[in-house]
PDB file of N, CA and C in Angstrom:
ATOM      1  N   MET A   1       0.746  -1.270   0.046  1.00  0.00           N
ATOM      2  CA  MET A   1      -0.162   0.058  -0.099  1.00  0.00           C
ATOM      3  C   MET A   1       0.857   1.273   0.064  1.00  0.00           C
ATOM      4  N   LYS A   2       1.879   1.103   0.858  1.00  0.00           N
ATOM      5  CA  LYS A   2       3.093   2.596   1.029  1.00  0.00           C
ATOM      6  C   LYS A   2       3.471   2.607  -0.445  1.00  0.00           C
ATOM      7  N   LYS A   3       3.889   1.670  -0.997  1.00  0.00           N
ATOM      8  CA  LYS A   3       4.318   1.457  -2.678  1.00  0.00           C
ATOM      9  C   LYS A   3       3.451   2.502  -3.520  1.00  0.00           C
ATOM     10  N   LEU A   4       2.186   1.982  -3.441  1.00  0.00           N
ATOM     11  CA  LEU A   4       0.925   2.677  -4.207  1.00  0.00           C
ATOM     12  C   LEU A   4       0.979   3.878  -4.129  1.00  0.00           C
ATOM     13  N   ILE A   5       0.921   4.354  -2.747  1.00  0.00           N
ATOM     14  CA  ILE A   5       0.958   5.836  -2.509  1.00  0.00           C
ATOM     15  C   ILE A   5       1.961   6.589  -2.888  1.00  0.00           C
ATOM     16  N   LEU A   6       3.291   5.947  -2.631  1.00  0.00           N
ATOM     17  CA  LEU A   6       4.428   6.745  -3.207  1.00  0.00           C
ATOM     18  C   LEU A   6       4.469   7.039  -4.648  1.00  0.00           C
ATOM     19  N   SER A   7       4.163   5.870  -5.392  1.00  0.00           N
ATOM     20  CA  SER A   7       3.906   5.908  -6.743  1.00  0.00           C
ATOM     21  C   SER A   7       3.047   7.024  -7.534  1.00  0.00           C
ATOM     22  N   ILE A   8       1.627   7.041  -6.816  1.00  0.00           N
ATOM     23  CA  ILE A   8       0.906   8.108  -7.353  1.00  0.00           C
ATOM     24  C   ILE A   8       1.490   9.544  -6.945  1.00  0.00           C
ATOM     25  N   LEU A   9       1.973   9.638  -5.607  1.00  0.00           N
ATOM     26  CA  LEU A   9       2.471  11.103  -5.220  1.00  0.00           C
ATOM     27  C   LEU A   9       3.611  11.376  -6.251  1.00  0.00           C
ATOM     28  N   THR A  10       4.503  10.520  -6.711  1.00  0.00           N
ATOM     29  CA  THR A  10       5.535  10.641  -7.670  1.00  0.00           C
ATOM     30  C   THR A  10       4.904  11.218  -8.950  1.00  0.00           C
ATOM     31  N   ILE A  11       3.906  10.503  -9.327  1.00  0.00           N
ATOM     32  CA  ILE A  11       3.159  10.787 -10.788  1.00  0.00           C
ATOM     33  C   ILE A  11       2.591  12.323 -10.684  1.00  0.00           C
ATOM     34  N   ILE A  12       2.137  12.561  -9.471  1.00  0.00           N
ATOM     35  CA  ILE A  12       1.274  13.677  -9.432  1.00  0.00           C
ATOM     36  C   ILE A  12       2.526  14.812  -9.569  1.00  0.00           C
ATOM     37  N   LEU A  13       3.496  14.757  -8.578  1.00  0.00           N
ATOM     38  CA  LEU A  13       4.714  15.666  -8.646  1.00  0.00           C
ATOM     39  C   LEU A  13       5.119  15.825  -9.978  1.00  0.00           C
ATOM     40  N   PHE A  14       5.461  14.940 -10.979  1.00  0.00           N
ATOM     41  CA  PHE A  14       6.046  15.275 -12.381  1.00  0.00           C
ATOM     42  C   PHE A  14       4.841  15.778 -13.026  1.00  0.00           C
ATOM     43  N   LEU A  15       3.700  15.743 -12.918  1.00  0.00           N
ATOM     44  CA  LEU A  15       2.712  16.330 -13.685  1.00  0.00           C
ATOM     45  C   LEU A  15       2.471  17.777 -13.514  1.00  0.00           C
ATOM     46  N   GLY A  16       2.965  17.983 -12.421  1.00  0.00           N
ATOM     47  CA  GLY A  16       2.958  19.505 -11.962  1.00  0.00           C
ATOM     48  C   GLY A  16       4.213  20.048 -12.511  1.00  0.00           C
ATOM     49  N   CYS A  17       5.083  19.451 -13.102  1.00  0.00           N
ATOM     50  CA  CYS A  17       6.461  20.129 -13.463  1.00  0.00           C
ATOM     51  C   CYS A  17       6.469  20.287 -15.021  1.00  0.00           C
ATOM     52  N   THR A  18       5.159  20.361 -15.542  1.00  0.00           N
ATOM     53  CA  THR A  18       5.248  20.594 -17.027  1.00  0.00           C
ATOM     54  C   THR A  18       4.264  21.719 -17.406  1.00  0.00           C
ATOM     55  N   ASP A  19       4.383  22.489 -18.369  1.00  0.00           N
ATOM     56  CA  ASP A  19       3.638  23.625 -18.827  1.00  0.00           C
ATOM     57  C   ASP A  19       2.979  23.171 -20.118  1.00  0.00           C
ATOM     58  N   GLU A  20       2.184  22.416 -20.540  1.00  0.00           N
ATOM     59  CA  GLU A  20       1.760  21.861 -21.835  1.00  0.00           C
ATOM     60  C   GLU A  20       1.185  23.063 -22.633  1.00  0.00           C
ATOM     61  N   GLU A  21       0.262  23.652 -22.199  1.00  0.00           N
ATOM     62  CA  GLU A  21      -0.329  24.763 -23.033  1.00  0.00           C
ATOM     63  C   GLU A  21       0.672  26.139 -23.155  1.00  0.00           C
ATOM     64  N   GLY A  22       1.246  26.672 -22.286  1.00  0.00           N
ATOM     65  CA  GLY A  22       2.423  27.390 -22.452  1.00  0.00           C
ATOM     66  C   GLY A  22       3.465  27.043 -23.485  1.00  0.00           C
ATOM     67  N   ALA A  23       3.692  25.803 -23.335  1.00  0.00           N
ATOM     68  CA  ALA A  23       4.988  25.126 -24.294  1.00  0.00           C
ATOM     69  C   ALA A  23       4.466  25.154 -25.681  1.00  0.00           C
ATOM     70  N   LYS A  24       3.100  24.759 -25.982  1.00  0.00           N
ATOM     71  CA  LYS A  24       2.520  24.777 -27.149  1.00  0.00           C
ATOM     72  C   LYS A  24       2.451  25.913 -27.858  1.00  0.00           C
ATOM     73  N   SER A  25       1.971  27.079 -26.977  1.00  0.00           N
ATOM     74  CA  SER A  25       1.817  28.412 -27.410  1.00  0.00           C
ATOM     75  C   SER A  25       3.229  28.980 -27.846  1.00  0.00           C
ATOM     76  N   PHE A  26       4.247  28.688 -26.983  1.00  0.00           N
ATOM     77  CA  PHE A  26       5.438  29.327 -27.409  1.00  0.00           C
ATOM     78  C   PHE A  26       5.962  28.628 -28.767  1.00  0.00           C
ATOM     79  N   LEU A  27       5.881  27.325 -28.829  1.00  0.00           N
ATOM     80  CA  LEU A  27       6.245  26.437 -30.261  1.00  0.00           C
ATOM     81  C   LEU A  27       5.702  27.099 -31.259  1.00  0.00           C
ATOM     82  N   LYS A  28       4.363  27.309 -31.024  1.00  0.00           N
ATOM     83  CA  LYS A  28       3.441  27.800 -32.238  1.00  0.00           C
ATOM     84  C   LYS A  28       4.187  29.129 -32.632  1.00  0.00           C
ATOM     85  N   LYS A  29       4.657  29.979 -31.865  1.00  0.00           N
ATOM     86  CA  LYS A  29       4.971  31.482 -32.118  1.00  0.00           C
ATOM     87  C   LYS A  29       6.273  31.234 -32.766  1.00  0.00           C
ATOM     88  N   GLU A  30       7.052  30.276 -32.412  1.00  0.00           N
ATOM     89  CA  GLU A  30       8.306  30.019 -32.762  1.00  0.00           C
ATOM     90  C   GLU A  30       8.360  29.194 -34.255  1.00  0.00           C
ATOM     91  N   GLY A  31       7.073  29.064 -34.895  1.00  0.00           N
ATOM     92  CA  GLY A  31       7.011  28.255 -35.977  1.00  0.00           C
ATOM     93  C   GLY A  31       6.785  26.846 -36.087  1.00  0.00           C
ATOM     94  N   TYR A  32       6.475  26.205 -34.996  1.00  0.00           N
ATOM     95  CA  TYR A  32       6.597  24.795 -35.056  1.00  0.00           C
ATOM     96  C   TYR A  32       5.051  24.401 -35.513  1.00  0.00           C
ATOM     97  N   SER A  33       4.629  23.466 -35.993  1.00  0.00           N
ATOM     98  CA  SER A  33       3.388  22.875 -36.082  1.00  0.00           C
ATOM     99  C   SER A  33       3.136  21.463 -35.769  1.00  0.00           C
ATOM    100  N   ASP A  34       2.208  20.772 -35.773  1.00  0.00           N
ATOM    101  CA  ASP A  34       1.765  19.432 -35.503  1.00  0.00           C
ATOM    102  C   ASP A  34       2.403  18.986 -34.104  1.00  0.00           C
ATOM    103  N   ILE A  35       2.195  19.845 -33.125  1.00  0.00           N
ATOM    104  CA  ILE A  35       2.943  19.836 -31.830  1.00  0.00           C
ATOM    105  C   ILE A  35       2.262  18.614 -31.019  1.00  0.00           C
ATOM    106  N   LYS A  36       3.056  17.802 -30.331  1.00  0.00           N
ATOM    107  CA  LYS A  36       2.770  16.867 -29.398  1.00  0.00           C
ATOM    108  C   LYS A  36       3.546  16.970 -28.125  1.00  0.00           C
ATOM    109  N   THR A  37       2.923  16.997 -27.170  1.00  0.00           N
ATOM    110  CA  THR A  37       3.852  17.174 -25.796  1.00  0.00           C
ATOM    111  C   THR A  37       3.886  15.751 -25.445  1.00  0.00           C
ATOM    112  N   THR A  38       5.061  15.382 -24.838  1.00  0.00           N
ATOM    113  CA  THR A  38       5.451  14.095 -24.387  1.00  0.00           C
ATOM    114  C   THR A  38       5.445  13.883 -22.886  1.00  0.00           C
ATOM    115  N   GLY A  39       5.199  14.993 -22.092  1.00  0.00           N
ATOM    116  CA  GLY A  39       5.346  15.002 -20.608  1.00  0.00           C
ATOM    117  C   GLY A  39       6.805  15.605 -20.070  1.00  0.00           C
ATOM    118  N   TYR A  40       6.817  15.192 -19.007  1.00  0.00           N
ATOM    119  CA  TYR A  40       8.273  15.816 -18.381  1.00  0.00           C
ATOM    120  C   TYR A  40       9.331  15.170 -18.747  1.00  0.00           C
ATOM    121  N   ASN A  41      10.371  15.899 -19.008  1.00  0.00           N
ATOM    122  CA  ASN A  41      11.708  15.233 -19.531  1.00  0.00           C
ATOM    123  C   ASN A  41      12.795  15.504 -18.378  1.00  0.00           C
ATOM    124  N   PHE A  42      13.415  14.608 -17.894  1.00  0.00           N
ATOM    125  CA  PHE A  42      14.370  14.560 -16.771  1.00  0.00           C
ATOM    126  C   PHE A  42      15.699  15.080 -17.268  1.00  0.00           C
ATOM    127  N   PHE A  43      16.339  16.002 -16.546  1.00  0.00           N
ATOM    128  CA  PHE A  43      17.701  16.423 -16.692  1.00  0.00           C
ATOM    129  C   PHE A  43      17.836  17.287 -17.965  1.00  0.00           C
ATOM    130  N   GLU A  44      16.880  17.798 -18.591  1.00  0.00           N
ATOM    131  CA  GLU A  44      16.981  18.485 -20.068  1.00  0.00           C
ATOM    132  C   GLU A  44      17.175  19.820 -19.747  1.00  0.00           C
ATOM    133  N   CYS A  45      16.775  20.609 -18.495  1.00  0.00           N
ATOM    134  CA  CYS A  45      16.688  21.825 -18.273  1.00  0.00           C
ATOM    135  C   CYS A  45      17.566  22.224 -17.211  1.00  0.00           C
ATOM    136  N   SER A  46      18.000  23.580 -17.033  1.00  0.00           N
ATOM    137  CA  SER A  46      18.679  23.961 -16.136  1.00  0.00           C
ATOM    138  C   SER A  46      18.070  24.015 -14.547  1.00  0.00           C
ATOM    139  N   GLN A  47      18.883  24.089 -13.576  1.00  0.00           N
ATOM    140  CA  GLN A  47      18.005  24.491 -12.124  1.00  0.00           C
ATOM    141  C   GLN A  47      17.433  25.426 -11.906  1.00  0.00           C
ATOM    142  N   SER A  48      17.736  26.394 -12.781  1.00  0.00           N
ATOM    143  CA  SER A  48      16.981  27.732 -12.758  1.00  0.00           C
ATOM    144  C   SER A  48      15.471  27.647 -13.387  1.00  0.00           C
ATOM    145  N   ASP A  49      15.502  26.546 -14.031  1.00  0.00           N
ATOM    146  CA  ASP A  49      14.095  26.304 -14.852  1.00  0.00           C
ATOM    147  C   ASP A  49      13.202  25.628 -13.890  1.00  0.00           C
ATOM    148  N   VAL A  50      12.071  25.962 -13.919  1.00  0.00           N
ATOM    149  CA  VAL A  50      10.914  25.374 -13.033  1.00  0.00           C
ATOM    150  C   VAL A  50       9.911  24.173 -13.683  1.00  0.00           C
ATOM    151  N   LYS A  51       9.849  24.256 -14.945  1.00  0.00           N
ATOM    152  CA  LYS A  51       9.026  23.560 -15.656  1.00  0.00           C
ATOM    153  C   LYS A  51       9.912  22.648 -16.805  1.00  0.00           C
ATOM    154  N   SER A  52       9.733  21.558 -17.287  1.00  0.00           N
ATOM    155  CA  SER A  52      10.319  20.797 -18.444  1.00  0.00           C
ATOM    156  C   SER A  52       9.172  20.131 -19.230  1.00  0.00           C
ATOM    157  N   THR A  53       8.843  20.365 -20.372  1.00  0.00           N
ATOM    158  CA  THR A  53       7.890  20.040 -21.188  1.00  0.00           C
ATOM    159  C   THR A  53       8.395  19.381 -22.519  1.00  0.00           C
ATOM    160  N   GLY A  54       8.635  17.841 -22.482  1.00  0.00           N
ATOM    161  CA  GLY A  54       8.887  17.279 -23.876  1.00  0.00           C
ATOM    162  C   GLY A  54       7.962  17.604 -25.003  1.00  0.00           C
ATOM    163  N   PHE A  55       8.539  17.435 -26.075  1.00  0.00           N
ATOM    164  CA  PHE A  55       7.557  17.773 -27.281  1.00  0.00           C
ATOM    165  C   PHE A  55       8.235  16.779 -28.758  1.00  0.00           C
ATOM    166  N   ILE A  56       7.294  16.391 -29.432  1.00  0.00           N
ATOM    167  CA  ILE A  56       7.580  16.416 -30.769  1.00  0.00           C
ATOM    168  C   ILE A  56       6.713  17.228 -31.631  1.00  0.00           C
ATOM    169  N   ALA A  57       7.395  17.890 -32.801  1.00  0.00           N
ATOM    170  CA  ALA A  57       6.808  18.684 -33.704  1.00  0.00           C
ATOM    171  C   ALA A  57       7.534  18.893 -35.040  1.00  0.00           C
ATOM    172  N   LYS A  58       6.858  19.600 -35.951  1.00  0.00           N
ATOM    173  CA  LYS A  58       7.481  19.772 -37.266  1.00  0.00           C
ATOM    174  C   LYS A  58       7.788  21.341 -37.475  1.00  0.00           C
ATOM    175  N   LYS A  59       9.015  21.584 -38.059  1.00  0.00           N
ATOM    176  CA  LYS A  59       9.354  22.850 -38.441  1.00  0.00           C
ATOM    177  C   LYS A  59       9.901  22.656 -39.640  1.00  0.00           C
ATOM    178  N   ASN A  60       9.574  23.398 -40.687  1.00  0.00           N
ATOM    179  CA  ASN A  60       9.864  23.648 -42.090  1.00  0.00           C
ATOM    180  C   ASN A  60      10.098  22.125 -42.721  1.00  0.00           C
ATOM    181  N   GLY A  61       9.216  21.398 -42.286  1.00  0.00           N
ATOM    182  CA  GLY A  61       8.748  20.188 -42.892  1.00  0.00           C
ATOM    183  C   GLY A  61       9.638  18.893 -42.272  1.00  0.00           C
ATOM    184  N   LYS A  62      10.541  19.173 -41.035  1.00  0.00           N
ATOM    185  CA  LYS A  62      11.178  18.199 -40.406  1.00  0.00           C
ATOM    186  C   LYS A  62      10.635  17.898 -39.142  1.00  0.00           C
ATOM    187  N   LEU A  63      10.665  16.707 -38.846  1.00  0.00           N
ATOM    188  CA  LEU A  63      10.448  16.461 -37.390  1.00  0.00           C
ATOM    189  C   LEU A  63      11.533  16.620 -36.407  1.00  0.00           C
ATOM    190  N   ILE A  64      10.962  17.378 -35.312  1.00  0.00           N
ATOM    191  CA  ILE A  64      12.002  17.668 -34.445  1.00  0.00           C
ATOM    192  C   ILE A  64      11.584  17.472 -32.891  1.00  0.00           C
ATOM    193  N   GLU A  65      12.486  16.782 -32.098  1.00  0.00           N
ATOM    194  CA  GLU A  65      12.142  16.352 -30.851  1.00  0.00           C
ATOM    195  C   GLU A  65      13.075  17.142 -29.696  1.00  0.00           C
ATOM    196  N   GLY A  66      12.231  17.587 -28.660  1.00  0.00           N
ATOM    197  CA  GLY A  66      13.019  18.317 -27.900  1.00  0.00           C
ATOM    198  C   GLY A  66      12.333  18.735 -26.552  1.00  0.00           C
ATOM    199  N   THR A  67      12.813  19.833 -25.742  1.00  0.00           N
ATOM    200  CA  THR A  67      12.251  20.194 -24.676  1.00  0.00           C
ATOM    201  C   THR A  67      12.032  21.661 -24.457  1.00  0.00           C
ATOM    202  N   VAL A  68      10.850  22.223 -23.818  1.00  0.00           N
ATOM    203  CA  VAL A  68      10.505  23.637 -23.600  1.00  0.00           C
ATOM    204  C   VAL A  68      11.028  23.838 -22.109  1.00  0.00           C
ATOM    205  N   CYS A  69      11.744  24.693 -21.696  1.00  0.00           N
ATOM    206  CA  CYS A  69      12.303  24.873 -20.525  1.00  0.00           C
ATOM    207  C   CYS A  69      11.505  26.298 -19.962  1.00  0.00           C
ATOM    208  N   THR A  70      10.865  25.877 -18.824  1.00  0.00           N
ATOM    209  CA  THR A  70      10.143  27.301 -18.386  1.00  0.00           C
ATOM    210  C   THR A  70      10.792  27.922 -17.283  1.00  0.00           C
ATOM    211  N   GLY A  71      11.271  29.151 -17.404  1.00  0.00           N
ATOM    212  CA  GLY A  71      11.805  29.765 -16.274  1.00  0.00           C
ATOM    213  C   GLY A  71      11.021  30.156 -15.227  1.00  0.00           C
ATOM    214  N   MET A  72      11.630  30.763 -13.983  1.00  0.00           N
ATOM    215  CA  MET A  72      10.627  31.432 -13.045  1.00  0.00           C
ATOM    216  C   MET A  72      10.113  32.789 -13.481  1.00  0.00           C
ATOM    217  N   LEU A  73      10.459  33.506 -14.298  1.00  0.00           N
ATOM    218  CA  LEU A  73       9.947  34.766 -14.895  1.00  0.00           C
ATOM    219  C   LEU A  73       8.688  34.328 -15.825  1.00  0.00           C
ATOM    220  N   PRO A  74       7.583  35.110 -15.993  1.00  0.00           N
ATOM    221  CA  PRO A  74       6.570  34.971 -16.737  1.00  0.00           C
ATOM    222  C   PRO A  74       7.112  35.060 -18.056  1.00  0.00           C
ATOM    223  N   LYS A  75       6.648  34.108 -19.067  1.00  0.00           N
ATOM    224  CA  LYS A  75       7.089  34.165 -20.557  1.00  0.00           C
ATOM    225  C   LYS A  75       8.397  33.743 -20.611  1.00  0.00           C
ATOM    226  N   SER A  76       9.060  33.091 -19.961  1.00  0.00           N
ATOM    227  CA  SER A  76      10.823  32.866 -20.020  1.00  0.00           C
ATOM    228  C   SER A  76      10.605  31.452 -20.442  1.00  0.00           C
ATOM    229  N   TYR A  77      10.859  31.281 -21.700  1.00  0.00           N
ATOM    230  CA  TYR A  77      10.784  29.987 -22.367  1.00  0.00           C
ATOM    231  C   TYR A  77      12.227  29.688 -23.288  1.00  0.00           C
ATOM    232  N   THR A  78      12.703  28.473 -23.174  1.00  0.00           N
ATOM    233  CA  THR A  78      13.968  28.227 -23.943  1.00  0.00           C
ATOM    234  C   THR A  78      13.660  26.707 -24.485  1.00  0.00           C
ATOM    235  N   ILE A  79      14.002  26.695 -25.880  1.00  0.00           N
ATOM    236  CA  ILE A  79      13.779  25.457 -26.685  1.00  0.00           C
ATOM    237  C   ILE A  79      15.274  24.657 -26.428  1.00  0.00           C
ATOM    238  N   LYS A  80      15.320  23.507 -25.938  1.00  0.00           N
ATOM    239  CA  LYS A  80      16.514  22.728 -26.180  1.00  0.00           C
ATOM    240  C   LYS A  80      16.051  21.174 -27.049  1.00  0.00           C
ATOM    241  N   LEU A  81      16.769  21.334 -28.036  1.00  0.00           N
ATOM    242  CA  LEU A  81      16.649  20.246 -29.091  1.00  0.00           C
ATOM    243  C   LEU A  81      17.609  19.150 -28.974  1.00  0.00           C
ATOM    244  N   LYS A  82      16.916  17.949 -29.202  1.00  0.00           N
ATOM    245  CA  LYS A  82      17.669  16.629 -28.971  1.00  0.00           C
ATOM    246  C   LYS A  82      18.616  16.243 -30.301  1.00  0.00           C
TER     247      LYS A  82
END
């Protein structure tokens, strides 16, 4: 029972560490299309970033995979590509 509770809390914790709507909006502004978020990406962003949202999208006809890192300041986004 304790393992189940710990697993549920871990999932909830990482769900709160993504910003799907903000990431999609930022990627659209940067010229990406067909955007699909893939959830939290471990170890992709710096310690000063508060959220990490993985994505797969198209830009100029090419399939791109990466992470949108969200900083503490409003509208502070960075794209990190794989």
